[in-house]
Amino acid sequence: MRNSSSTSESLPTMFILVGIPGLEAEHIWISIPFCLMYMIIFLGNGTILHVIRTDTALHQPMYLFLAMLALAEVGVSASTLPAVLGVFLFGITEISFNACLLQMFSIHSFSIMESAVLLSMSVDRFVAIYNPLRYTAILTVPRIFGMAASIGLKSIVLMAPLTILLRYLTFCGHNILSHSYCLHPNLIHLPCGDTTINNIYGLFIVTSTFGLDSLLIVVSYGFILHTVLSIATGEGRRKALSTCSSHVCAVFSYYVPMIGLSMVHRLGYHVSPLLHVMMANAYLFLPPVVNPIVYSIKTKEIRRGISWILSEKKARDDHINFQVLGYYQYAKDSENARQNFSAS
């Protein structure tokens, strides 16, 4: 077994982030859509979190799970933001080894949380449709917070060994990454030593989280469809299915890019580097951009909460404007009175 000094010598001090291959001269322009996406992500998910926090009527299982999903998506985006904007806005392409591992750990941990929350939301929809009378009795607030804690703990426990294992690999000077952030499928191609344990453990994480979660989501929707088809009226079936439409969109926006990225990484050098980058960006940016928009449009209670916030802000602004105009009018009247008094 290698000692600590030989291990540290085999590790690169820096990784080079490529950004978008072949478009390095256009990075400043490419930064514009990335900045817009980050604005939508933080503003959209932040608004949903604020609406759920301030409206006590939304302190129900469905919206608590939605808040958990928004937090996970904000976490993924916040993990990529420093490196992405550093590359495209400021041309900072270097990231230290430890910072890269921390970013990889953070991105994948929040992604695991996101997948687990999507599974929890499918269970929530099944309980709401199958047994609506006992919905809030089954999914109590303490139970939901317990699920949230277990999801977070599971993500950390699973990702910690993967991060540690990377520190015991020999990189032999290979330090150029094909993305503007650090992902494990990208990092694991750089070492020149034996990566069998890392690959096996990485595959275990993928199958035990994303693979199992997606399978259980499909099973949940199988039960949901079976329950919906047993409803006597067409209107009842339509209403039941409409409550799942936003979640279905969230599932597709998350798992379709993930499957695409996985296929691209498996094909390796047989596909264009640009396709690698585009699929990774779709995997990380599509869900947090799409989900706030979908839930804001499709969920009546979220729409109502956003409208209430906007109307409250408008009323507050009108009140401030009224006070300002009143002050100016008072100052003007006082000045006229002073001039009239001086003239007399």
Protein backbone atom coordinates (compact mmCIF):
# COMPACT_ATOMS: atom_id res chain seq x y z
CA MET A 1 0.00 0.00 0.00
CA ARG A 2 1.35 3.45 -0.86
CA ASN A 3 2.21 5.84 1.90
CA SER A 4 0.67 9.27 2.23
CA SER A 5 3.61 11.10 0.62
CA SER A 6 3.54 8.99 -2.56
CA THR A 7 -0.24 9.36 -2.71
CA SER A 8 -0.04 13.14 -2.48
CA GLU A 9 2.65 13.23 -5.18
CA SER A 10 0.41 11.31 -7.60
CA LEU A 11 -2.47 13.79 -7.18
CA PRO A 12 -2.73 16.85 -9.42
CA THR A 13 -2.73 20.21 -7.67
CA MET A 14 -5.07 21.69 -10.28
CA PHE A 15 -7.65 20.58 -12.81
CA ILE A 16 -8.30 22.48 -16.05
CA LEU A 17 -11.97 23.17 -16.86
CA VAL A 18 -12.59 23.30 -20.60
CA GLY A 19 -16.02 24.98 -20.81
CA ILE A 20 -17.34 24.38 -24.33
CA PRO A 21 -14.71 22.85 -26.66
CA GLY A 22 -14.04 24.85 -29.81
CA LEU A 23 -15.95 27.92 -28.60
CA GLU A 24 -13.41 29.33 -26.15
CA ALA A 25 -13.39 32.70 -27.95
CA GLU A 26 -17.17 32.98 -27.51
CA HIS A 27 -17.27 32.21 -23.79
CA ILE A 28 -18.22 35.76 -22.81
CA TRP A 29 -21.32 35.52 -25.03
CA ILE A 30 -22.09 31.99 -23.87
CA SER A 31 -22.10 33.31 -20.30
CA ILE A 32 -25.29 35.28 -21.05
CA PRO A 33 -27.65 32.26 -21.32
CA PHE A 34 -25.95 30.70 -18.29
CA CYS A 35 -26.53 33.87 -16.26
CA LEU A 36 -30.18 33.91 -17.39
CA MET A 37 -30.59 30.26 -16.39
CA TYR A 38 -29.12 30.91 -12.95
CA MET A 39 -31.48 33.89 -12.52
CA ILE A 40 -34.48 31.72 -13.43
CA ILE A 41 -33.29 28.91 -11.15
CA PHE A 42 -32.72 31.01 -8.04
CA LEU A 43 -35.64 33.38 -8.62
CA GLY A 44 -38.09 30.60 -9.56
CA ASN A 45 -37.17 28.12 -6.86
CA GLY A 46 -36.73 30.91 -4.31
CA THR A 47 -40.23 32.17 -5.08
CA ILE A 48 -41.72 28.69 -4.64
CA LEU A 49 -39.91 28.29 -1.31
CA HIS A 50 -41.10 31.72 -0.16
CA VAL A 51 -44.72 31.02 -1.18
CA ILE A 52 -44.75 27.67 0.65
CA ARG A 53 -43.09 29.16 3.75
CA THR A 54 -45.43 32.14 4.06
CA ASP A 55 -48.74 30.48 3.14
CA THR A 56 -49.82 28.18 5.98
CA ALA A 57 -52.43 26.60 3.70
CA LEU A 58 -49.52 25.10 1.73
CA HIS A 59 -47.98 23.37 4.76
CA GLN A 60 -49.24 20.07 3.37
CA PRO A 61 -47.29 16.98 2.22
CA MET A 62 -47.41 17.76 -1.51
CA TYR A 63 -46.00 21.26 -1.09
CA LEU A 64 -43.45 20.25 1.55
CA PHE A 65 -42.06 17.72 -0.93
CA LEU A 66 -42.06 20.45 -3.59
CA ALA A 67 -40.05 22.66 -1.22
CA MET A 68 -37.57 19.79 -0.74
CA LEU A 69 -37.25 19.45 -4.53
CA ALA A 70 -36.64 23.21 -4.90
CA LEU A 71 -33.95 23.10 -2.19
CA ALA A 72 -32.18 20.19 -3.89
CA GLU A 73 -32.24 21.99 -7.24
CA VAL A 74 -30.90 25.19 -5.69
CA GLY A 75 -28.14 23.09 -4.09
CA VAL A 76 -27.11 21.57 -7.44
CA SER A 77 -27.09 24.97 -9.13
CA ALA A 78 -25.20 26.68 -6.31
CA SER A 79 -22.58 23.91 -6.54
CA THR A 80 -21.88 24.60 -10.22
CA LEU A 81 -22.23 28.40 -10.19
CA PRO A 82 -18.68 29.45 -9.07
CA ALA A 83 -16.91 27.24 -11.61
CA VAL A 84 -19.30 27.88 -14.52
CA LEU A 85 -19.31 31.68 -14.20
CA GLY A 86 -15.58 31.62 -13.48
CA VAL A 87 -14.93 29.86 -16.78
CA PHE A 88 -17.35 31.76 -19.02
CA LEU A 89 -17.29 35.24 -17.45
CA PHE A 90 -13.75 35.59 -16.11
CA GLY A 91 -11.76 32.97 -18.01
CA ILE A 92 -10.74 31.18 -14.79
CA THR A 93 -10.21 27.63 -16.00
CA GLU A 94 -8.22 26.24 -13.06
CA ILE A 95 -9.76 24.58 -10.02
CA SER A 96 -7.80 23.01 -7.18
CA PHE A 97 -7.93 19.27 -6.60
CA ASN A 98 -9.70 19.59 -3.24
CA ALA A 99 -12.16 22.19 -4.57
CA CYS A 100 -12.95 19.87 -7.51
CA LEU A 101 -13.63 16.95 -5.19
CA LEU A 102 -15.83 19.15 -3.00
CA GLN A 103 -17.79 20.33 -6.04
CA MET A 104 -18.18 16.76 -7.31
CA PHE A 105 -19.38 15.62 -3.89
CA SER A 106 -21.86 18.49 -3.67
CA ILE A 107 -23.28 18.11 -7.19
CA HIS A 108 -23.80 14.36 -6.94
CA SER A 109 -25.12 14.51 -3.35
CA PHE A 110 -27.80 17.03 -4.28
CA SER A 111 -28.60 15.03 -7.44
CA ILE A 112 -29.15 11.91 -5.31
CA MET A 113 -31.39 13.98 -3.02
CA GLU A 114 -33.33 15.25 -6.04
CA SER A 115 -33.94 11.71 -7.30
CA ALA A 116 -35.07 10.54 -3.85
CA VAL A 117 -37.43 13.51 -3.50
CA LEU A 118 -38.99 12.72 -6.89
CA LEU A 119 -39.61 9.18 -5.62
CA SER A 120 -41.14 10.56 -2.40
CA MET A 121 -43.40 12.80 -4.47
CA SER A 122 -44.65 9.83 -6.49
CA VAL A 123 -45.47 8.01 -3.24
CA ASP A 124 -47.22 11.17 -2.06
CA ARG A 125 -49.39 11.21 -5.21
CA PHE A 126 -50.22 7.52 -4.80
CA VAL A 127 -51.33 7.97 -1.18
CA ALA A 128 -53.37 11.07 -2.10
CA ILE A 129 -55.24 9.20 -4.86
CA TYR A 130 -55.49 5.74 -3.25
CA ASN A 131 -56.48 6.82 0.26
CA PRO A 132 -57.39 10.55 0.26
CA LEU A 133 -59.25 10.41 3.59
CA ARG A 134 -56.13 9.27 5.47
CA TYR A 135 -53.67 11.29 3.33
CA THR A 136 -52.60 13.78 6.01
CA ALA A 137 -52.72 11.09 8.72
CA ILE A 138 -50.25 8.90 6.80
CA LEU A 139 -47.93 11.65 5.60
CA THR A 140 -47.61 13.71 8.76
CA VAL A 141 -45.22 16.66 9.03
CA PRO A 142 -42.82 14.86 11.44
CA ARG A 143 -42.75 11.87 9.08
CA ILE A 144 -41.98 14.12 6.10
CA PHE A 145 -39.15 15.85 7.97
CA GLY A 146 -37.85 12.40 8.94
CA MET A 147 -37.86 11.41 5.26
CA ALA A 148 -36.01 14.61 4.38
CA ALA A 149 -33.34 13.92 7.02
CA SER A 150 -32.89 10.31 5.85
CA ILE A 151 -32.60 11.44 2.21
CA GLY A 152 -29.91 13.97 3.10
CA LEU A 153 -28.01 11.49 5.27
CA LYS A 154 -28.19 8.77 2.61
CA SER A 155 -26.76 11.11 -0.02
CA ILE A 156 -23.81 12.11 2.16
CA VAL A 157 -23.04 8.56 3.30
CA LEU A 158 -23.10 7.22 -0.27
CA MET A 159 -20.96 9.97 -1.80
CA ALA A 160 -18.30 10.29 0.92
CA PRO A 161 -16.49 6.99 0.07
CA LEU A 162 -16.47 7.84 -3.65
CA THR A 163 -14.73 11.13 -2.91
CA ILE A 164 -12.18 9.42 -0.63
CA LEU A 165 -11.44 6.69 -3.20
CA LEU A 166 -10.45 9.29 -5.80
CA ARG A 167 -7.68 10.52 -3.51
CA TYR A 168 -5.97 7.11 -3.73
CA LEU A 169 -5.70 7.03 -7.52
CA THR A 170 -2.66 7.91 -9.63
CA PHE A 171 -3.38 10.65 -12.18
CA CYS A 172 0.05 10.76 -13.89
CA GLY A 173 -0.33 14.43 -14.82
CA HIS A 174 -3.73 14.05 -16.51
CA ASN A 175 -5.81 17.00 -15.32
CA ILE A 176 -7.96 18.32 -18.19
CA LEU A 177 -11.72 17.97 -17.65
CA SER A 178 -14.23 18.15 -20.50
CA HIS A 179 -16.81 20.25 -18.59
CA SER A 180 -16.91 23.56 -16.75
CA TYR A 181 -17.48 21.72 -13.46
CA CYS A 182 -16.36 18.46 -11.82
CA LEU A 183 -18.40 15.28 -12.35
CA HIS A 184 -17.32 11.80 -11.29
CA PRO A 185 -17.84 10.16 -14.74
CA ASN A 186 -15.45 12.79 -16.12
CA LEU A 187 -12.89 12.55 -13.29
CA ILE A 188 -12.72 8.75 -13.34
CA HIS A 189 -11.36 8.78 -16.93
CA LEU A 190 -8.25 10.74 -15.90
CA PRO A 191 -6.33 8.32 -13.57
CA CYS A 192 -3.79 5.98 -15.13
CA GLY A 193 -4.04 3.45 -12.29
CA ASP A 194 -6.58 0.72 -11.58
CA THR A 195 -10.08 2.24 -11.17
CA THR A 196 -11.98 -1.04 -10.75
CA ILE A 197 -13.09 -0.36 -7.16
CA ASN A 198 -14.16 3.18 -8.05
CA ASN A 199 -16.15 1.95 -11.05
CA ILE A 200 -17.84 -0.81 -9.06
CA TYR A 201 -18.77 1.53 -6.23
CA GLY A 202 -19.92 4.21 -8.68
CA LEU A 203 -22.14 1.65 -10.41
CA PHE A 204 -23.50 0.59 -7.02
CA ILE A 205 -24.45 4.22 -6.25
CA VAL A 206 -26.14 4.67 -9.63
CA THR A 207 -28.17 1.44 -9.38
CA SER A 208 -29.10 1.84 -5.69
CA THR A 209 -30.22 5.44 -6.09
CA PHE A 210 -31.15 6.58 -9.59
CA GLY A 211 -31.89 3.08 -10.90
CA LEU A 212 -33.94 1.96 -7.90
CA ASP A 213 -35.68 5.34 -7.57
CA SER A 214 -36.74 5.39 -11.23
CA LEU A 215 -37.99 1.79 -10.99
CA LEU A 216 -40.05 2.55 -7.88
CA ILE A 217 -41.45 5.70 -9.53
CA VAL A 218 -42.66 3.56 -12.46
CA VAL A 219 -44.18 1.06 -9.99
CA SER A 220 -45.88 3.93 -8.10
CA TYR A 221 -47.43 5.23 -11.30
CA GLY A 222 -48.55 1.72 -12.16
CA PHE A 223 -50.49 1.64 -8.87
CA ILE A 224 -51.74 5.18 -9.51
CA LEU A 225 -53.08 4.25 -12.96
CA HIS A 226 -54.72 1.12 -11.53
CA THR A 227 -56.40 3.24 -8.83
CA VAL A 228 -57.45 5.96 -11.28
CA LEU A 229 -59.02 3.46 -13.68
CA SER A 230 -61.14 2.12 -10.83
CA ILE A 231 -62.73 5.57 -10.33
CA ALA A 232 -66.28 5.48 -11.67
CA THR A 233 -66.59 8.93 -13.29
CA GLY A 234 -64.49 10.34 -16.09
CA GLU A 235 -64.32 13.70 -14.33
CA GLY A 236 -62.91 12.02 -11.22
CA ARG A 237 -60.27 10.23 -13.28
CA ARG A 238 -59.32 13.47 -15.02
CA LYS A 239 -58.94 15.34 -11.72
CA ALA A 240 -56.87 12.55 -10.21
CA LEU A 241 -54.49 12.44 -13.17
CA SER A 242 -54.22 16.25 -13.34
CA THR A 243 -52.69 16.27 -9.85
CA CYS A 244 -49.81 14.16 -11.22
CA SER A 245 -49.04 16.14 -14.40
CA SER A 246 -46.48 18.50 -12.84
CA HIS A 247 -44.65 15.63 -11.17
CA VAL A 248 -44.55 13.66 -14.42
CA CYS A 249 -42.94 16.67 -16.13
CA ALA A 250 -40.39 16.90 -13.30
CA VAL A 251 -39.56 13.20 -13.62
CA PHE A 252 -39.02 13.40 -17.38
CA SER A 253 -36.95 16.61 -17.17
CA TYR A 254 -34.69 14.89 -14.63
CA TYR A 255 -34.29 11.32 -15.87
CA VAL A 256 -34.24 11.82 -19.66
CA PRO A 257 -31.10 14.06 -19.64
CA MET A 258 -29.53 11.75 -17.03
CA ILE A 259 -30.03 8.68 -19.24
CA GLY A 260 -28.69 10.62 -22.22
CA LEU A 261 -25.60 11.72 -20.29
CA SER A 262 -25.01 8.18 -19.06
CA MET A 263 -25.15 6.83 -22.61
CA VAL A 264 -22.76 9.52 -23.84
CA HIS A 265 -20.24 8.67 -21.10
CA ARG A 266 -20.53 4.94 -21.87
CA LEU A 267 -19.78 5.61 -25.55
CA GLY A 268 -16.75 7.64 -24.47
CA TYR A 269 -14.53 8.86 -27.29
CA HIS A 270 -16.89 7.71 -30.03
CA VAL A 271 -19.07 10.83 -29.66
CA SER A 272 -18.32 14.53 -30.07
CA PRO A 273 -16.92 16.38 -27.01
CA LEU A 274 -19.54 19.05 -27.67
CA LEU A 275 -22.28 16.42 -27.18
CA HIS A 276 -20.70 15.48 -23.83
CA VAL A 277 -20.91 19.09 -22.70
CA MET A 278 -24.45 19.70 -23.97
CA MET A 279 -25.83 16.56 -22.30
CA ALA A 280 -24.11 17.40 -19.00
CA ASN A 281 -25.52 20.92 -19.12
CA ALA A 282 -29.00 19.59 -19.90
CA TYR A 283 -28.74 17.15 -16.97
CA LEU A 284 -27.73 19.87 -14.49
CA PHE A 285 -29.66 22.89 -15.76
CA LEU A 286 -32.88 21.60 -17.36
CA PRO A 287 -34.69 20.35 -14.20
CA PRO A 288 -34.09 23.43 -12.00
CA VAL A 289 -35.11 25.74 -14.87
CA VAL A 290 -38.19 23.78 -16.00
CA ASN A 291 -39.67 22.68 -12.67
CA PRO A 292 -40.40 26.13 -11.14
CA ILE A 293 -42.04 27.20 -14.41
CA VAL A 294 -44.14 24.02 -14.66
CA TYR A 295 -45.27 24.09 -11.02
CA SER A 296 -46.02 27.82 -11.20
CA ILE A 297 -48.22 27.30 -14.27
CA LYS A 298 -49.85 23.96 -13.43
CA THR A 299 -50.41 24.30 -9.66
CA LYS A 300 -53.29 26.62 -8.77
CA GLU A 301 -52.20 27.13 -5.16
CA ILE A 302 -48.66 28.16 -6.20
CA ARG A 303 -50.10 30.55 -8.81
CA ARG A 304 -52.36 32.07 -6.20
CA GLY A 305 -49.46 32.49 -3.78
CA ILE A 306 -47.31 34.19 -6.42
CA SER A 307 -50.21 36.49 -7.38
CA TRP A 308 -50.70 37.38 -3.72
CA ILE A 309 -46.99 38.23 -3.34
CA LEU A 310 -47.07 40.40 -6.48
CA SER A 311 -50.28 42.18 -5.42
CA GLU A 312 -48.87 42.76 -1.93
CA LYS A 313 -45.69 44.20 -3.43
CA LYS A 314 -47.72 46.47 -5.73
CA ALA A 315 -49.83 47.68 -2.80
CA ARG A 316 -46.68 48.35 -0.77
CA ASP A 317 -45.09 50.24 -3.69
CA ASP A 318 -48.28 52.27 -4.19
CA HIS A 319 -48.31 53.13 -0.49
CA ILE A 320 -44.69 54.25 -0.64
CA ASN A 321 -45.36 56.31 -3.78
CA PHE A 322 -48.39 57.87 -2.11
CA GLN A 323 -46.28 58.81 0.91
CA VAL A 324 -43.55 60.29 -1.32
CA LEU A 325 -46.06 62.27 -3.38
CA GLY A 326 -47.73 63.46 -0.19
CA TYR A 327 -44.40 64.65 1.15
CA TYR A 328 -43.60 66.56 -2.04
CA GLN A 329 -47.09 68.08 -2.07
CA TYR A 330 -46.69 69.11 1.56
CA ALA A 331 -43.27 70.65 0.80
CA LYS A 332 -44.71 72.49 -2.20
CA ASP A 333 -47.65 73.85 -0.19
CA SER A 334 -45.31 74.94 2.57
CA GLU A 335 -43.08 76.76 0.08
CA ASN A 336 -46.07 78.52 -1.49
CA ALA A 337 -47.34 79.55 1.92
CA ARG A 338 -43.89 80.90 2.84
CA GLN A 339 -43.71 82.90 -0.41
CA ASN A 340 -47.22 84.32 0.10
CA PHE A 341 -46.35 85.29 3.68
CA SER A 342 -43.15 87.00 2.50
CA ALA A 343 -45.01 88.91 -0.22
CA SER A 344 -47.62 90.15 2.22
